[in-house]
Amino acid sequence: RPGLALCAGCGGRIQDPFLLRVSPDLEWHVACLKCAECGQPLDETCTCFLRDGKAYCKRDYSRLFGVKCAQCRAAFSSSDLVMRARDHVYHLECFRCAACGRQLLPGDQFCLRERDLLCRADHGPTPDGAAA
């Protein structure tokens, strides 16, 4: 209701006939809802993401908080296929042996040493003689 809400952006009372509600308890003046990183206006035509009470455009939210490839550190798009090794996520083309550069494919045996992926030929036997 205009006049009762406080703007999450500037802290002022919202007297405008319209306000933007992004979550159940956060409301903004139309002019105050902008990306906290790049300043792009965020309205009904632009996707808005919240983190710690701040609003972000999709591009900046993904860049700042999205999962990134453990090898190239680039963000993933929604259409990217990925490979996982423990807590690390990789683009398919980045999922390569650190020693020989061979791309590792689903089903290949590999070893993860610290942040390095190693193919079976380059990681050798594990201390107990079994493959990793």
N, C-alpha and C. Protein backbone atom coordinates (compact mmCIF):
# COMPACT_ATOMS: atom_id res chain seq x y z
N ARG A 1 0.85 -1.18 0.00
CA ARG A 1 0.00 0.00 0.00
C ARG A 1 0.88 1.24 0.00
N PRO A 2 0.68 2.13 -0.98
CA PRO A 2 1.48 3.35 -1.04
C PRO A 2 1.37 4.14 0.26
N GLY A 3 2.50 4.71 0.68
CA GLY A 3 2.55 5.53 1.87
C GLY A 3 2.92 4.76 3.12
N LEU A 4 2.77 3.44 3.12
CA LEU A 4 3.10 2.64 4.30
C LEU A 4 4.40 1.87 4.14
N ALA A 5 4.77 1.58 2.92
CA ALA A 5 5.96 0.78 2.66
C ALA A 5 7.22 1.64 2.68
N LEU A 6 8.32 1.02 3.11
CA LEU A 6 9.63 1.67 3.06
C LEU A 6 10.44 1.02 1.96
N CYS A 7 11.11 1.85 1.17
CA CYS A 7 11.91 1.37 0.05
C CYS A 7 13.16 0.66 0.56
N ALA A 8 13.39 -0.56 0.08
CA ALA A 8 14.59 -1.32 0.44
C ALA A 8 15.84 -0.72 -0.20
N GLY A 9 15.66 0.10 -1.25
CA GLY A 9 16.80 0.72 -1.91
C GLY A 9 17.28 1.98 -1.22
N CYS A 10 16.38 2.93 -1.02
CA CYS A 10 16.78 4.23 -0.45
C CYS A 10 16.34 4.41 0.99
N GLY A 11 15.46 3.55 1.48
CA GLY A 11 14.99 3.65 2.86
C GLY A 11 13.84 4.62 3.06
N GLY A 12 13.46 5.35 2.01
CA GLY A 12 12.39 6.33 2.11
C GLY A 12 11.01 5.70 2.02
N ARG A 13 10.02 6.45 2.49
CA ARG A 13 8.63 6.00 2.42
C ARG A 13 8.18 6.00 0.96
N ILE A 14 7.48 4.97 0.54
CA ILE A 14 7.01 4.88 -0.84
C ILE A 14 5.64 5.54 -0.93
N GLN A 15 5.60 6.74 -1.54
CA GLN A 15 4.36 7.49 -1.73
C GLN A 15 3.81 7.31 -3.13
N ASP A 16 4.63 6.72 -4.03
CA ASP A 16 4.25 6.55 -5.42
C ASP A 16 3.00 5.67 -5.54
N PRO A 17 2.25 5.83 -6.62
CA PRO A 17 1.09 4.96 -6.81
C PRO A 17 1.49 3.52 -7.13
N PHE A 18 2.75 3.30 -7.56
CA PHE A 18 3.23 1.96 -7.87
C PHE A 18 4.50 1.69 -7.10
N LEU A 19 4.68 0.44 -6.71
CA LEU A 19 5.93 0.01 -6.08
C LEU A 19 6.27 -1.36 -6.64
N LEU A 20 7.51 -1.75 -6.48
CA LEU A 20 7.94 -3.07 -6.94
C LEU A 20 8.23 -3.93 -5.72
N ARG A 21 7.57 -5.07 -5.64
CA ARG A 21 7.78 -6.02 -4.54
C ARG A 21 8.55 -7.19 -5.12
N VAL A 22 9.73 -7.42 -4.57
CA VAL A 22 10.59 -8.48 -5.10
C VAL A 22 10.48 -9.74 -4.26
N SER A 23 10.29 -9.60 -3.01
CA SER A 23 10.05 -10.76 -2.15
C SER A 23 8.96 -10.33 -1.17
N PRO A 24 8.45 -11.23 -0.37
CA PRO A 24 7.32 -10.87 0.48
C PRO A 24 7.57 -9.65 1.38
N ASP A 25 8.82 -9.41 1.76
CA ASP A 25 9.07 -8.31 2.70
C ASP A 25 9.98 -7.20 2.15
N LEU A 26 10.30 -7.21 0.86
CA LEU A 26 11.15 -6.16 0.29
C LEU A 26 10.42 -5.45 -0.84
N GLU A 27 10.30 -4.14 -0.70
CA GLU A 27 9.62 -3.31 -1.69
C GLU A 27 10.51 -2.13 -2.06
N TRP A 28 10.39 -1.68 -3.30
CA TRP A 28 11.22 -0.60 -3.81
C TRP A 28 10.36 0.43 -4.53
N HIS A 29 10.86 1.69 -4.55
CA HIS A 29 10.36 2.66 -5.52
C HIS A 29 10.73 2.09 -6.89
N VAL A 30 9.93 2.35 -7.89
CA VAL A 30 10.24 1.88 -9.23
C VAL A 30 11.63 2.35 -9.66
N ALA A 31 11.97 3.59 -9.35
CA ALA A 31 13.27 4.16 -9.76
C ALA A 31 14.44 3.63 -8.94
N CYS A 32 14.19 3.04 -7.78
CA CYS A 32 15.28 2.59 -6.90
C CYS A 32 15.70 1.14 -7.13
N LEU A 33 14.88 0.35 -7.80
CA LEU A 33 15.24 -1.05 -8.00
C LEU A 33 16.21 -1.16 -9.17
N LYS A 34 17.50 -1.23 -8.80
CA LYS A 34 18.59 -1.32 -9.78
C LYS A 34 19.56 -2.39 -9.34
N CYS A 35 20.31 -2.91 -10.28
CA CYS A 35 21.34 -3.89 -9.97
C CYS A 35 22.38 -3.25 -9.06
N ALA A 36 22.69 -3.90 -7.95
CA ALA A 36 23.66 -3.37 -7.00
C ALA A 36 25.07 -3.32 -7.59
N GLU A 37 25.31 -4.07 -8.64
CA GLU A 37 26.64 -4.12 -9.25
C GLU A 37 26.79 -3.15 -10.41
N CYS A 38 25.89 -3.21 -11.39
CA CYS A 38 26.05 -2.41 -12.62
C CYS A 38 25.08 -1.23 -12.71
N GLY A 39 24.07 -1.17 -11.84
CA GLY A 39 23.12 -0.06 -11.86
C GLY A 39 22.00 -0.18 -12.88
N GLN A 40 21.92 -1.29 -13.59
CA GLN A 40 20.86 -1.48 -14.58
C GLN A 40 19.51 -1.47 -13.87
N PRO A 41 18.55 -0.69 -14.39
CA PRO A 41 17.20 -0.72 -13.79
C PRO A 41 16.59 -2.12 -13.89
N LEU A 42 15.97 -2.55 -12.81
CA LEU A 42 15.34 -3.86 -12.77
C LEU A 42 13.84 -3.65 -12.62
N ASP A 43 13.09 -4.09 -13.61
CA ASP A 43 11.64 -3.90 -13.59
C ASP A 43 10.97 -5.17 -14.05
N GLU A 44 9.73 -5.08 -14.42
CA GLU A 44 8.99 -6.29 -14.81
C GLU A 44 9.51 -6.93 -16.09
N THR A 45 10.40 -6.24 -16.83
CA THR A 45 10.95 -6.80 -18.06
C THR A 45 12.33 -7.42 -17.86
N CYS A 46 12.89 -7.31 -16.66
CA CYS A 46 14.25 -7.78 -16.40
C CYS A 46 14.24 -8.71 -15.18
N THR A 47 14.86 -9.85 -15.30
CA THR A 47 14.93 -10.79 -14.19
C THR A 47 15.75 -10.19 -13.06
N CYS A 48 15.26 -10.37 -11.86
CA CYS A 48 15.90 -9.80 -10.68
C CYS A 48 16.28 -10.93 -9.73
N PHE A 49 17.49 -10.89 -9.19
CA PHE A 49 17.96 -11.88 -8.24
C PHE A 49 18.36 -11.17 -6.95
N LEU A 50 18.01 -11.73 -5.81
CA LEU A 50 18.34 -11.14 -4.51
C LEU A 50 19.40 -11.94 -3.79
N ARG A 51 20.28 -11.23 -3.11
CA ARG A 51 21.27 -11.87 -2.25
C ARG A 51 21.62 -10.88 -1.15
N ASP A 52 21.45 -11.28 0.09
CA ASP A 52 21.76 -10.43 1.24
C ASP A 52 21.06 -9.08 1.16
N GLY A 53 19.82 -9.06 0.71
CA GLY A 53 19.04 -7.83 0.65
C GLY A 53 19.37 -6.92 -0.51
N LYS A 54 20.28 -7.34 -1.39
CA LYS A 54 20.64 -6.54 -2.56
C LYS A 54 20.08 -7.20 -3.81
N ALA A 55 19.70 -6.39 -4.77
CA ALA A 55 19.15 -6.89 -6.03
C ALA A 55 20.24 -6.87 -7.11
N TYR A 56 20.22 -7.88 -7.98
CA TYR A 56 21.21 -8.00 -9.05
C TYR A 56 20.51 -8.39 -10.34
N CYS A 57 21.08 -7.94 -11.46
CA CYS A 57 20.63 -8.44 -12.76
C CYS A 57 21.16 -9.87 -12.92
N LYS A 58 20.61 -10.60 -13.86
CA LYS A 58 20.99 -12.00 -14.05
C LYS A 58 22.47 -12.15 -14.35
N ARG A 59 23.00 -11.30 -15.22
CA ARG A 59 24.40 -11.40 -15.62
C ARG A 59 25.33 -11.23 -14.42
N ASP A 60 25.10 -10.19 -13.62
CA ASP A 60 25.99 -9.94 -12.48
C ASP A 60 25.80 -10.98 -11.38
N TYR A 61 24.57 -11.42 -11.16
CA TYR A 61 24.35 -12.45 -10.14
C TYR A 61 25.11 -13.72 -10.51
N SER A 62 25.01 -14.13 -11.76
CA SER A 62 25.73 -15.33 -12.21
C SER A 62 27.23 -15.15 -12.09
N ARG A 63 27.71 -13.99 -12.48
CA ARG A 63 29.16 -13.73 -12.42
C ARG A 63 29.67 -13.73 -10.99
N LEU A 64 28.91 -13.14 -10.07
CA LEU A 64 29.37 -13.01 -8.69
C LEU A 64 29.13 -14.25 -7.84
N PHE A 65 27.98 -14.90 -8.03
CA PHE A 65 27.58 -15.95 -7.11
C PHE A 65 27.34 -17.32 -7.75
N GLY A 66 27.33 -17.39 -9.06
CA GLY A 66 27.04 -18.65 -9.73
C GLY A 66 28.19 -19.63 -9.65
N VAL A 67 27.89 -20.89 -9.89
CA VAL A 67 28.92 -21.93 -9.93
C VAL A 67 29.81 -21.66 -11.13
N LYS A 68 31.11 -21.79 -10.92
CA LYS A 68 32.07 -21.54 -11.99
C LYS A 68 32.89 -22.80 -12.24
N CYS A 69 33.36 -22.90 -13.45
CA CYS A 69 34.19 -24.03 -13.85
C CYS A 69 35.47 -24.04 -13.02
N ALA A 70 35.81 -25.20 -12.47
CA ALA A 70 37.01 -25.33 -11.64
C ALA A 70 38.29 -25.13 -12.44
N GLN A 71 38.23 -25.28 -13.75
CA GLN A 71 39.42 -25.11 -14.59
C GLN A 71 39.55 -23.68 -15.13
N CYS A 72 38.55 -23.22 -15.87
CA CYS A 72 38.66 -21.91 -16.53
C CYS A 72 38.05 -20.76 -15.73
N ARG A 73 37.32 -21.08 -14.66
CA ARG A 73 36.68 -20.11 -13.76
C ARG A 73 35.54 -19.31 -14.41
N ALA A 74 35.11 -19.70 -15.60
CA ALA A 74 33.98 -19.04 -16.26
C ALA A 74 32.67 -19.62 -15.73
N ALA A 75 31.62 -18.81 -15.77
CA ALA A 75 30.30 -19.26 -15.34
C ALA A 75 29.72 -20.23 -16.36
N PHE A 76 28.72 -20.96 -15.95
CA PHE A 76 28.03 -21.89 -16.83
C PHE A 76 26.75 -21.25 -17.34
N SER A 77 26.39 -21.59 -18.56
CA SER A 77 25.08 -21.17 -19.07
C SER A 77 24.12 -22.33 -18.80
N SER A 78 22.84 -22.05 -18.91
CA SER A 78 21.84 -23.08 -18.59
C SER A 78 21.90 -24.25 -19.58
N SER A 79 22.50 -24.07 -20.75
CA SER A 79 22.56 -25.15 -21.74
C SER A 79 23.88 -25.92 -21.69
N ASP A 80 24.82 -25.52 -20.86
CA ASP A 80 26.12 -26.21 -20.78
C ASP A 80 25.97 -27.60 -20.18
N LEU A 81 26.66 -28.56 -20.78
CA LEU A 81 26.81 -29.87 -20.18
C LEU A 81 28.06 -29.81 -19.32
N VAL A 82 28.03 -30.46 -18.17
CA VAL A 82 29.14 -30.36 -17.23
C VAL A 82 29.60 -31.74 -16.78
N MET A 83 30.80 -31.77 -16.24
CA MET A 83 31.35 -32.96 -15.59
C MET A 83 31.66 -32.55 -14.15
N ARG A 84 31.49 -33.51 -13.25
CA ARG A 84 31.74 -33.24 -11.83
C ARG A 84 32.80 -34.21 -11.30
N ALA A 85 33.63 -33.68 -10.40
CA ALA A 85 34.60 -34.50 -9.68
C ALA A 85 34.65 -33.96 -8.26
N ARG A 86 34.15 -34.75 -7.33
CA ARG A 86 33.97 -34.32 -5.95
C ARG A 86 33.15 -33.03 -5.94
N ASP A 87 33.68 -31.96 -5.36
CA ASP A 87 32.94 -30.69 -5.27
C ASP A 87 33.20 -29.78 -6.45
N HIS A 88 33.97 -30.24 -7.43
CA HIS A 88 34.34 -29.41 -8.57
C HIS A 88 33.43 -29.68 -9.76
N VAL A 89 33.13 -28.63 -10.51
CA VAL A 89 32.31 -28.74 -11.71
C VAL A 89 33.11 -28.16 -12.87
N TYR A 90 33.05 -28.80 -14.04
CA TYR A 90 33.86 -28.41 -15.20
C TYR A 90 32.99 -28.34 -16.45
N HIS A 91 33.35 -27.44 -17.37
CA HIS A 91 32.80 -27.52 -18.73
C HIS A 91 33.33 -28.82 -19.33
N LEU A 92 32.60 -29.40 -20.26
CA LEU A 92 33.09 -30.64 -20.89
C LEU A 92 34.48 -30.44 -21.49
N GLU A 93 34.68 -29.31 -22.19
CA GLU A 93 35.97 -29.09 -22.85
C GLU A 93 37.10 -28.79 -21.85
N CYS A 94 36.76 -28.44 -20.62
CA CYS A 94 37.78 -28.16 -19.59
C CYS A 94 38.13 -29.40 -18.77
N PHE A 95 37.37 -30.47 -18.93
CA PHE A 95 37.59 -31.68 -18.16
C PHE A 95 38.69 -32.48 -18.83
N ARG A 96 39.95 -32.08 -18.57
CA ARG A 96 41.13 -32.62 -19.25
C ARG A 96 42.21 -32.99 -18.24
N CYS A 97 43.03 -33.91 -18.63
CA CYS A 97 44.19 -34.30 -17.82
C CYS A 97 45.16 -33.12 -17.75
N ALA A 98 45.60 -32.80 -16.54
CA ALA A 98 46.53 -31.68 -16.35
C ALA A 98 47.92 -32.01 -16.89
N ALA A 99 48.26 -33.29 -16.98
CA ALA A 99 49.59 -33.68 -17.45
C ALA A 99 49.67 -33.76 -18.97
N CYS A 100 48.73 -34.46 -19.60
CA CYS A 100 48.85 -34.69 -21.05
C CYS A 100 47.83 -33.91 -21.87
N GLY A 101 46.83 -33.32 -21.23
CA GLY A 101 45.84 -32.51 -21.94
C GLY A 101 44.71 -33.29 -22.59
N ARG A 102 44.72 -34.62 -22.44
CA ARG A 102 43.67 -35.43 -23.05
C ARG A 102 42.33 -35.14 -22.39
N GLN A 103 41.29 -34.96 -23.22
CA GLN A 103 39.96 -34.73 -22.67
C GLN A 103 39.46 -36.02 -22.04
N LEU A 104 38.94 -35.89 -20.83
CA LEU A 104 38.40 -37.04 -20.11
C LEU A 104 36.91 -37.15 -20.42
N LEU A 105 36.48 -38.36 -20.75
CA LEU A 105 35.10 -38.60 -21.17
C LEU A 105 34.37 -39.40 -20.10
N PRO A 106 33.04 -39.37 -20.13
CA PRO A 106 32.29 -40.19 -19.16
C PRO A 106 32.75 -41.64 -19.24
N GLY A 107 33.00 -42.23 -18.08
CA GLY A 107 33.47 -43.61 -18.01
C GLY A 107 34.98 -43.72 -17.88
N ASP A 108 35.72 -42.67 -18.25
CA ASP A 108 37.18 -42.71 -18.10
C ASP A 108 37.55 -42.71 -16.61
N GLN A 109 38.59 -43.46 -16.28
CA GLN A 109 39.11 -43.41 -14.92
C GLN A 109 40.07 -42.23 -14.83
N PHE A 110 40.00 -41.52 -13.72
CA PHE A 110 40.87 -40.37 -13.51
C PHE A 110 41.11 -40.21 -12.03
N CYS A 111 42.03 -39.36 -11.71
CA CYS A 111 42.36 -39.05 -10.33
C CYS A 111 42.29 -37.53 -10.16
N LEU A 112 41.82 -37.08 -9.04
CA LEU A 112 41.80 -35.65 -8.72
C LEU A 112 42.80 -35.43 -7.61
N ARG A 113 43.89 -34.76 -7.93
CA ARG A 113 44.93 -34.43 -6.95
C ARG A 113 44.94 -32.93 -6.77
N GLU A 114 44.52 -32.53 -5.55
CA GLU A 114 44.32 -31.11 -5.25
C GLU A 114 43.31 -30.59 -6.26
N ARG A 115 43.70 -29.72 -7.19
CA ARG A 115 42.77 -29.20 -8.20
C ARG A 115 43.04 -29.79 -9.57
N ASP A 116 44.02 -30.69 -9.68
CA ASP A 116 44.42 -31.24 -10.97
C ASP A 116 43.74 -32.56 -11.27
N LEU A 117 43.17 -32.65 -12.47
CA LEU A 117 42.63 -33.92 -12.97
C LEU A 117 43.77 -34.64 -13.68
N LEU A 118 43.88 -35.93 -13.45
CA LEU A 118 44.90 -36.74 -14.12
C LEU A 118 44.25 -37.99 -14.69
N CYS A 119 44.55 -38.27 -15.95
CA CYS A 119 44.03 -39.50 -16.58
C CYS A 119 44.71 -40.70 -15.93
N ARG A 120 44.16 -41.88 -16.20
CA ARG A 120 44.70 -43.11 -15.60
C ARG A 120 46.19 -43.29 -15.94
N ALA A 121 46.56 -43.01 -17.17
CA ALA A 121 47.96 -43.20 -17.59
C ALA A 121 48.90 -42.27 -16.82
N ASP A 122 48.43 -41.08 -16.47
CA ASP A 122 49.31 -40.11 -15.81
C ASP A 122 49.24 -40.15 -14.28
N HIS A 123 48.18 -40.71 -13.71
CA HIS A 123 48.15 -40.74 -12.25
C HIS A 123 48.77 -42.00 -11.69
N GLY A 124 48.93 -43.03 -12.52
CA GLY A 124 49.58 -44.26 -12.06
C GLY A 124 48.75 -44.96 -10.99
N PRO A 125 49.29 -45.99 -10.42
CA PRO A 125 48.54 -46.73 -9.40
C PRO A 125 48.45 -45.94 -8.09
N THR A 126 47.38 -46.20 -7.35
CA THR A 126 47.25 -45.59 -6.03
C THR A 126 48.15 -46.35 -5.09
N PRO A 127 48.38 -45.85 -3.87
CA PRO A 127 49.32 -46.50 -2.96
C PRO A 127 49.00 -47.99 -2.70
N ASP A 128 47.73 -48.38 -2.74
CA ASP A 128 47.41 -49.79 -2.51
C ASP A 128 47.44 -50.62 -3.80
N GLY A 129 47.85 -50.00 -4.92
CA GLY A 129 47.98 -50.72 -6.18
C GLY A 129 46.74 -50.74 -7.04
N ALA A 130 45.61 -50.24 -6.54
CA ALA A 130 44.36 -50.24 -7.30
C ALA A 130 44.25 -48.92 -8.07
N ALA A 131 43.46 -48.95 -9.11
CA ALA A 131 43.22 -47.72 -9.88
C ALA A 131 42.33 -46.79 -9.08
N ALA A 132 42.48 -45.49 -9.28
CA ALA A 132 41.66 -44.51 -8.55
C ALA A 132 40.28 -44.44 -9.17
